[in-house]
Amino acid sequence: MRDLFLCLEAVQNDRAIDVNDDTWIAGLGVQAANLVLDDLEMLLASSEQITCEDGLRAVEDAVGNALCLPEHPERVISLTDGDTDSLISLGVEPVGISNGRGSQTPPRYLLDYIAEDYVSVGGFFQPNL
């Protein structure tokens, strides 16, 4: 595989960086590629494994922060249609669900799968926790 990379025009014209034997950044100027590598290095450093105490598990939030959350949460709130869909698929019944975009209820395709006494946490753009 490495021989194939060496044949690329970007590699031959010094517009590629060899990250390791399996990974190349090509098609960028060397300065831009170095910035990408710096970002990659920061990302890898921030995603280092954290150790949580018993009963907790490590997760990464949407902005890359490592958190310890209960292994078996008792109360889950869903703020998007996709979250609700995923939770239901995983067998988790959220205690609060946001309304569909522009709707006063969760999306119709989910209504058959959520409890009749679900709690609305408001609209998609203005949830009320």
N, C-alpha and C. Protein backbone atom coordinates (compact mmCIF):
# COMPACT_ATOMS: atom_id res chain seq x y z
N MET A 1 0.82 -1.18 0.00
CA MET A 1 0.00 0.00 0.00
C MET A 1 0.87 1.25 0.00
N ARG A 2 1.95 1.24 0.76
CA ARG A 2 2.84 2.39 0.83
C ARG A 2 3.37 2.75 -0.55
N ASP A 3 3.67 1.75 -1.38
CA ASP A 3 4.18 2.01 -2.72
C ASP A 3 3.17 2.79 -3.56
N LEU A 4 1.88 2.52 -3.35
CA LEU A 4 0.85 3.26 -4.08
C LEU A 4 0.86 4.74 -3.68
N PHE A 5 1.01 5.00 -2.40
CA PHE A 5 1.07 6.39 -1.95
C PHE A 5 2.27 7.12 -2.54
N LEU A 6 3.38 6.42 -2.61
CA LEU A 6 4.60 7.04 -3.13
C LEU A 6 4.45 7.44 -4.59
N CYS A 7 3.51 6.83 -5.30
CA CYS A 7 3.29 7.15 -6.71
C CYS A 7 2.39 8.38 -6.89
N LEU A 8 1.72 8.82 -5.84
CA LEU A 8 0.83 9.96 -5.96
C LEU A 8 1.60 11.24 -6.26
N GLU A 9 1.02 12.06 -7.12
CA GLU A 9 1.67 13.32 -7.49
C GLU A 9 1.89 14.21 -6.26
N ALA A 10 0.90 14.24 -5.36
CA ALA A 10 1.03 15.07 -4.16
C ALA A 10 2.22 14.64 -3.31
N VAL A 11 2.48 13.34 -3.23
CA VAL A 11 3.62 12.84 -2.47
C VAL A 11 4.92 13.21 -3.18
N GLN A 12 4.95 13.02 -4.47
CA GLN A 12 6.17 13.30 -5.23
C GLN A 12 6.50 14.80 -5.25
N ASN A 13 5.50 15.66 -5.12
CA ASN A 13 5.73 17.11 -5.13
C ASN A 13 5.75 17.72 -3.73
N ASP A 14 5.99 16.89 -2.73
CA ASP A 14 6.07 17.34 -1.34
C ASP A 14 4.82 18.06 -0.86
N ARG A 15 3.66 17.60 -1.29
CA ARG A 15 2.40 18.15 -0.82
C ARG A 15 1.65 17.11 0.01
N ALA A 16 2.40 16.23 0.64
CA ALA A 16 1.81 15.19 1.49
C ALA A 16 2.72 14.95 2.67
N ILE A 17 2.11 14.53 3.76
CA ILE A 17 2.87 14.23 4.96
C ILE A 17 2.59 12.79 5.36
N ASP A 18 3.63 12.07 5.65
CA ASP A 18 3.53 10.68 6.10
C ASP A 18 3.29 10.69 7.60
N VAL A 19 2.05 10.45 8.01
CA VAL A 19 1.71 10.44 9.43
C VAL A 19 2.24 9.17 10.08
N ASN A 20 1.96 8.04 9.45
CA ASN A 20 2.52 6.75 9.85
C ASN A 20 2.43 5.84 8.63
N ASP A 21 2.75 4.58 8.78
CA ASP A 21 2.79 3.69 7.61
C ASP A 21 1.46 3.55 6.89
N ASP A 22 0.35 3.81 7.59
CA ASP A 22 -0.96 3.62 7.00
C ASP A 22 -1.71 4.92 6.72
N THR A 23 -1.18 6.05 7.17
CA THR A 23 -1.93 7.30 7.08
C THR A 23 -1.08 8.40 6.44
N TRP A 24 -1.67 9.01 5.41
CA TRP A 24 -1.03 10.14 4.74
C TRP A 24 -2.01 11.28 4.68
N ILE A 25 -1.51 12.50 4.78
CA ILE A 25 -2.32 13.68 4.52
C ILE A 25 -1.78 14.24 3.22
N ALA A 26 -2.61 14.24 2.18
CA ALA A 26 -2.16 14.65 0.85
C ALA A 26 -3.06 15.72 0.28
N GLY A 27 -2.52 16.44 -0.68
CA GLY A 27 -3.31 17.42 -1.40
C GLY A 27 -3.36 18.77 -0.72
N LEU A 28 -2.74 18.89 0.44
CA LEU A 28 -2.69 20.16 1.15
C LEU A 28 -1.27 20.71 1.04
N GLY A 29 -1.15 21.98 1.18
CA GLY A 29 0.19 22.53 1.32
C GLY A 29 0.79 22.02 2.61
N VAL A 30 2.08 22.02 2.71
CA VAL A 30 2.74 21.47 3.90
C VAL A 30 2.32 22.24 5.15
N GLN A 31 2.17 23.56 5.06
CA GLN A 31 1.75 24.33 6.23
C GLN A 31 0.34 23.94 6.66
N ALA A 32 -0.56 23.80 5.71
CA ALA A 32 -1.93 23.39 6.05
C ALA A 32 -1.94 21.99 6.64
N ALA A 33 -1.15 21.10 6.08
CA ALA A 33 -1.09 19.74 6.60
C ALA A 33 -0.55 19.73 8.02
N ASN A 34 0.42 20.59 8.30
CA ASN A 34 0.96 20.67 9.67
C ASN A 34 -0.11 21.16 10.64
N LEU A 35 -0.96 22.09 10.20
CA LEU A 35 -2.07 22.54 11.06
C LEU A 35 -3.04 21.40 11.33
N VAL A 36 -3.32 20.61 10.29
CA VAL A 36 -4.20 19.45 10.46
C VAL A 36 -3.58 18.48 11.46
N LEU A 37 -2.28 18.26 11.34
CA LEU A 37 -1.61 17.35 12.28
C LEU A 37 -1.66 17.89 13.71
N ASP A 38 -1.50 19.20 13.87
CA ASP A 38 -1.59 19.80 15.20
C ASP A 38 -2.98 19.57 15.79
N ASP A 39 -4.03 19.78 14.96
CA ASP A 39 -5.40 19.55 15.42
C ASP A 39 -5.62 18.09 15.76
N LEU A 40 -5.08 17.20 14.92
CA LEU A 40 -5.21 15.76 15.16
C LEU A 40 -4.53 15.39 16.47
N GLU A 41 -3.37 15.95 16.72
CA GLU A 41 -2.64 15.65 17.94
C GLU A 41 -3.43 16.12 19.17
N MET A 42 -4.02 17.33 19.08
CA MET A 42 -4.84 17.83 20.20
C MET A 42 -6.07 16.96 20.40
N LEU A 43 -6.68 16.52 19.30
CA LEU A 43 -7.86 15.67 19.40
C LEU A 43 -7.52 14.35 20.08
N LEU A 44 -6.41 13.75 19.67
CA LEU A 44 -6.01 12.48 20.26
C LEU A 44 -5.67 12.65 21.73
N ALA A 45 -5.02 13.75 22.07
CA ALA A 45 -4.67 13.99 23.47
C ALA A 45 -5.92 14.19 24.32
N SER A 46 -6.94 14.86 23.76
CA SER A 46 -8.16 15.12 24.54
C SER A 46 -9.02 13.88 24.69
N SER A 47 -8.83 12.90 23.83
CA SER A 47 -9.68 11.71 23.90
C SER A 47 -8.99 10.56 24.64
N GLU A 48 -7.97 10.90 25.44
CA GLU A 48 -7.31 9.86 26.21
C GLU A 48 -8.32 9.22 27.14
N GLN A 49 -8.15 7.96 27.37
CA GLN A 49 -9.07 7.21 28.20
C GLN A 49 -9.04 7.73 29.63
N ILE A 50 -10.21 7.99 30.20
CA ILE A 50 -10.28 8.37 31.60
C ILE A 50 -10.78 7.18 32.39
N THR A 51 -10.46 7.15 33.66
CA THR A 51 -10.88 6.07 34.52
C THR A 51 -12.02 6.56 35.40
N CYS A 52 -13.10 5.82 35.40
CA CYS A 52 -14.26 6.17 36.21
C CYS A 52 -14.40 5.15 37.33
N GLU A 53 -15.03 5.59 38.41
CA GLU A 53 -15.24 4.67 39.52
C GLU A 53 -16.31 3.64 39.16
N ASP A 54 -16.44 2.62 39.99
CA ASP A 54 -17.41 1.55 39.74
C ASP A 54 -18.81 2.12 39.58
N GLY A 55 -19.55 1.58 38.63
CA GLY A 55 -20.92 2.01 38.37
C GLY A 55 -21.01 3.15 37.38
N LEU A 56 -19.86 3.66 36.94
CA LEU A 56 -19.83 4.74 35.96
C LEU A 56 -19.07 4.29 34.73
N ARG A 57 -19.35 4.95 33.60
CA ARG A 57 -18.61 4.64 32.37
C ARG A 57 -18.17 5.94 31.73
N ALA A 58 -17.05 5.89 31.03
CA ALA A 58 -16.51 7.07 30.37
C ALA A 58 -17.19 7.29 29.02
N VAL A 59 -17.58 8.52 28.76
CA VAL A 59 -18.16 8.90 27.47
C VAL A 59 -17.55 10.24 27.08
N GLU A 60 -17.67 10.56 25.80
CA GLU A 60 -17.21 11.85 25.31
C GLU A 60 -18.41 12.64 24.85
N ASP A 61 -18.53 13.88 25.33
CA ASP A 61 -19.69 14.68 24.94
C ASP A 61 -19.48 15.29 23.56
N ALA A 62 -20.45 16.06 23.11
CA ALA A 62 -20.44 16.59 21.74
C ALA A 62 -19.28 17.53 21.46
N VAL A 63 -18.68 18.10 22.48
CA VAL A 63 -17.55 19.01 22.25
C VAL A 63 -16.22 18.40 22.67
N GLY A 64 -16.21 17.09 22.92
CA GLY A 64 -14.97 16.39 23.16
C GLY A 64 -14.55 16.26 24.61
N ASN A 65 -15.40 16.66 25.54
CA ASN A 65 -15.05 16.53 26.96
C ASN A 65 -15.31 15.10 27.42
N ALA A 66 -14.38 14.54 28.17
CA ALA A 66 -14.55 13.20 28.73
C ALA A 66 -15.35 13.31 30.03
N LEU A 67 -16.37 12.49 30.17
CA LEU A 67 -17.24 12.52 31.33
C LEU A 67 -17.44 11.12 31.88
N CYS A 68 -17.75 11.03 33.16
CA CYS A 68 -18.14 9.76 33.78
C CYS A 68 -19.64 9.83 34.03
N LEU A 69 -20.39 8.91 33.42
CA LEU A 69 -21.84 8.86 33.57
C LEU A 69 -22.24 7.49 34.12
N PRO A 70 -23.41 7.42 34.75
CA PRO A 70 -23.86 6.12 35.28
C PRO A 70 -23.96 5.07 34.17
N GLU A 71 -23.56 3.85 34.49
CA GLU A 71 -23.67 2.76 33.51
C GLU A 71 -25.13 2.49 33.16
N HIS A 72 -26.01 2.65 34.12
CA HIS A 72 -27.43 2.39 33.91
C HIS A 72 -28.23 3.62 34.37
N PRO A 73 -28.32 4.65 33.52
CA PRO A 73 -29.02 5.86 33.94
C PRO A 73 -30.50 5.58 34.18
N GLU A 74 -31.07 6.29 35.15
CA GLU A 74 -32.47 6.10 35.49
C GLU A 74 -33.38 7.09 34.79
N ARG A 75 -32.86 8.27 34.44
CA ARG A 75 -33.67 9.31 33.82
C ARG A 75 -32.89 9.88 32.63
N VAL A 76 -33.46 9.75 31.44
CA VAL A 76 -32.84 10.24 30.21
C VAL A 76 -33.82 11.18 29.51
N ILE A 77 -33.32 12.33 29.08
CA ILE A 77 -34.14 13.28 28.33
C ILE A 77 -33.60 13.34 26.91
N SER A 78 -34.50 13.31 25.95
CA SER A 78 -34.13 13.36 24.54
C SER A 78 -34.45 14.74 23.98
N LEU A 79 -33.45 15.38 23.36
CA LEU A 79 -33.65 16.74 22.84
C LEU A 79 -33.80 16.81 21.33
N THR A 80 -33.62 15.71 20.63
CA THR A 80 -33.79 15.72 19.17
C THR A 80 -34.51 14.46 18.73
N ASP A 81 -35.09 14.52 17.54
CA ASP A 81 -35.78 13.35 16.97
C ASP A 81 -34.82 12.17 16.87
N GLY A 82 -33.62 12.45 16.40
CA GLY A 82 -32.64 11.39 16.23
C GLY A 82 -32.25 10.74 17.54
N ASP A 83 -32.14 11.57 18.60
CA ASP A 83 -31.84 11.02 19.93
C ASP A 83 -32.97 10.11 20.40
N THR A 84 -34.21 10.58 20.22
CA THR A 84 -35.36 9.78 20.64
C THR A 84 -35.39 8.46 19.88
N ASP A 85 -35.18 8.55 18.59
CA ASP A 85 -35.16 7.35 17.74
C ASP A 85 -34.10 6.37 18.22
N SER A 86 -32.91 6.88 18.48
CA SER A 86 -31.80 6.01 18.94
C SER A 86 -32.10 5.40 20.30
N LEU A 87 -32.60 6.22 21.21
CA LEU A 87 -32.91 5.70 22.55
C LEU A 87 -33.94 4.58 22.49
N ILE A 88 -34.99 4.79 21.72
CA ILE A 88 -36.03 3.77 21.59
C ILE A 88 -35.43 2.49 20.98
N SER A 89 -34.58 2.66 19.99
CA SER A 89 -33.93 1.50 19.36
C SER A 89 -33.08 0.73 20.35
N LEU A 90 -32.51 1.44 21.32
CA LEU A 90 -31.66 0.80 22.33
C LEU A 90 -32.45 0.29 23.53
N GLY A 91 -33.79 0.48 23.49
CA GLY A 91 -34.62 0.00 24.59
C GLY A 91 -34.64 0.95 25.78
N VAL A 92 -34.24 2.20 25.59
CA VAL A 92 -34.26 3.19 26.66
C VAL A 92 -35.48 4.08 26.47
N GLU A 93 -36.30 4.19 27.52
CA GLU A 93 -37.49 5.04 27.43
C GLU A 93 -37.18 6.39 28.08
N PRO A 94 -37.08 7.45 27.27
CA PRO A 94 -36.77 8.75 27.85
C PRO A 94 -37.91 9.27 28.73
N VAL A 95 -37.55 10.00 29.81
CA VAL A 95 -38.56 10.58 30.68
C VAL A 95 -39.06 11.91 30.13
N GLY A 96 -38.30 12.51 29.23
CA GLY A 96 -38.70 13.75 28.59
C GLY A 96 -38.29 13.72 27.13
N ILE A 97 -39.16 14.25 26.26
CA ILE A 97 -38.92 14.21 24.81
C ILE A 97 -39.25 15.57 24.23
N SER A 98 -38.38 16.08 23.37
CA SER A 98 -38.68 17.36 22.71
C SER A 98 -39.70 17.14 21.59
N ASN A 99 -40.43 18.19 21.30
CA ASN A 99 -41.39 18.14 20.19
C ASN A 99 -40.64 18.14 18.87
N GLY A 100 -41.30 17.62 17.85
CA GLY A 100 -40.71 17.68 16.52
C GLY A 100 -40.60 19.12 16.05
N ARG A 101 -39.78 19.37 15.07
CA ARG A 101 -39.59 20.74 14.57
C ARG A 101 -40.91 21.29 14.04
N GLY A 102 -41.34 22.40 14.64
CA GLY A 102 -42.59 23.03 14.23
C GLY A 102 -43.83 22.29 14.67
N SER A 103 -43.71 21.36 15.59
CA SER A 103 -44.85 20.54 16.02
C SER A 103 -45.08 20.71 17.52
N GLN A 104 -46.25 20.33 17.96
CA GLN A 104 -46.58 20.36 19.39
C GLN A 104 -46.43 18.99 20.03
N THR A 105 -45.99 18.01 19.26
CA THR A 105 -45.79 16.65 19.75
C THR A 105 -44.49 16.12 19.16
N PRO A 106 -43.99 15.01 19.69
CA PRO A 106 -42.86 14.37 19.03
C PRO A 106 -43.26 13.97 17.61
N PRO A 107 -42.32 13.69 16.75
CA PRO A 107 -42.65 13.29 15.38
C PRO A 107 -43.63 12.11 15.37
N ARG A 108 -44.56 12.15 14.43
CA ARG A 108 -45.61 11.11 14.36
C ARG A 108 -45.04 9.71 14.24
N TYR A 109 -43.92 9.57 13.53
CA TYR A 109 -43.39 8.22 13.33
C TYR A 109 -42.89 7.61 14.64
N LEU A 110 -42.71 8.44 15.68
CA LEU A 110 -42.25 7.92 16.97
C LEU A 110 -43.38 7.70 17.97
N LEU A 111 -44.55 8.25 17.72
CA LEU A 111 -45.64 8.21 18.70
C LEU A 111 -46.04 6.80 19.12
N ASP A 112 -45.96 5.84 18.21
CA ASP A 112 -46.32 4.46 18.56
C ASP A 112 -45.29 3.80 19.48
N TYR A 113 -44.12 4.41 19.62
CA TYR A 113 -43.03 3.78 20.35
C TYR A 113 -42.72 4.44 21.69
N ILE A 114 -43.38 5.55 21.99
CA ILE A 114 -43.12 6.22 23.26
C ILE A 114 -44.33 6.06 24.17
N ALA A 115 -44.10 6.19 25.47
CA ALA A 115 -45.19 6.05 26.44
C ALA A 115 -46.23 7.14 26.21
N GLU A 116 -47.49 6.78 26.45
CA GLU A 116 -48.58 7.76 26.27
C GLU A 116 -48.45 8.93 27.24
N ASP A 117 -47.83 8.69 28.38
CA ASP A 117 -47.70 9.75 29.39
C ASP A 117 -46.32 10.43 29.31
N TYR A 118 -45.74 10.47 28.12
CA TYR A 118 -44.44 11.11 27.98
C TYR A 118 -44.53 12.58 28.40
N VAL A 119 -43.40 13.14 28.81
CA VAL A 119 -43.35 14.55 29.20
C VAL A 119 -42.67 15.32 28.08
N SER A 120 -43.32 16.35 27.60
CA SER A 120 -42.73 17.20 26.57
C SER A 120 -41.76 18.17 27.24
N VAL A 121 -40.57 18.30 26.71
CA VAL A 121 -39.61 19.27 27.23
C VAL A 121 -39.54 20.50 26.32
N GLY A 122 -40.58 20.70 25.52
CA GLY A 122 -40.65 21.89 24.68
C GLY A 122 -40.23 21.61 23.26
N GLY A 123 -40.03 22.70 22.54
CA GLY A 123 -39.68 22.60 21.14
C GLY A 123 -38.21 22.31 20.92
N PHE A 124 -37.92 21.92 19.71
CA PHE A 124 -36.55 21.56 19.34
C PHE A 124 -35.58 22.72 19.59
N PHE A 125 -35.98 23.93 19.23
CA PHE A 125 -35.09 25.07 19.37
C PHE A 125 -35.16 25.74 20.73
N GLN A 126 -36.17 25.40 21.54
CA GLN A 126 -36.30 25.99 22.86
C GLN A 126 -36.75 24.95 23.89
N PRO A 127 -35.89 23.99 24.19
CA PRO A 127 -36.28 23.00 25.19
C PRO A 127 -36.34 23.63 26.58
N ASN A 128 -37.22 23.10 27.42
CA ASN A 128 -37.38 23.58 28.78
C ASN A 128 -37.08 22.40 29.71
N LEU A 129 -35.87 22.36 30.20
CA LEU A 129 -35.48 21.25 31.06
C LEU A 129 -35.93 21.45 32.49
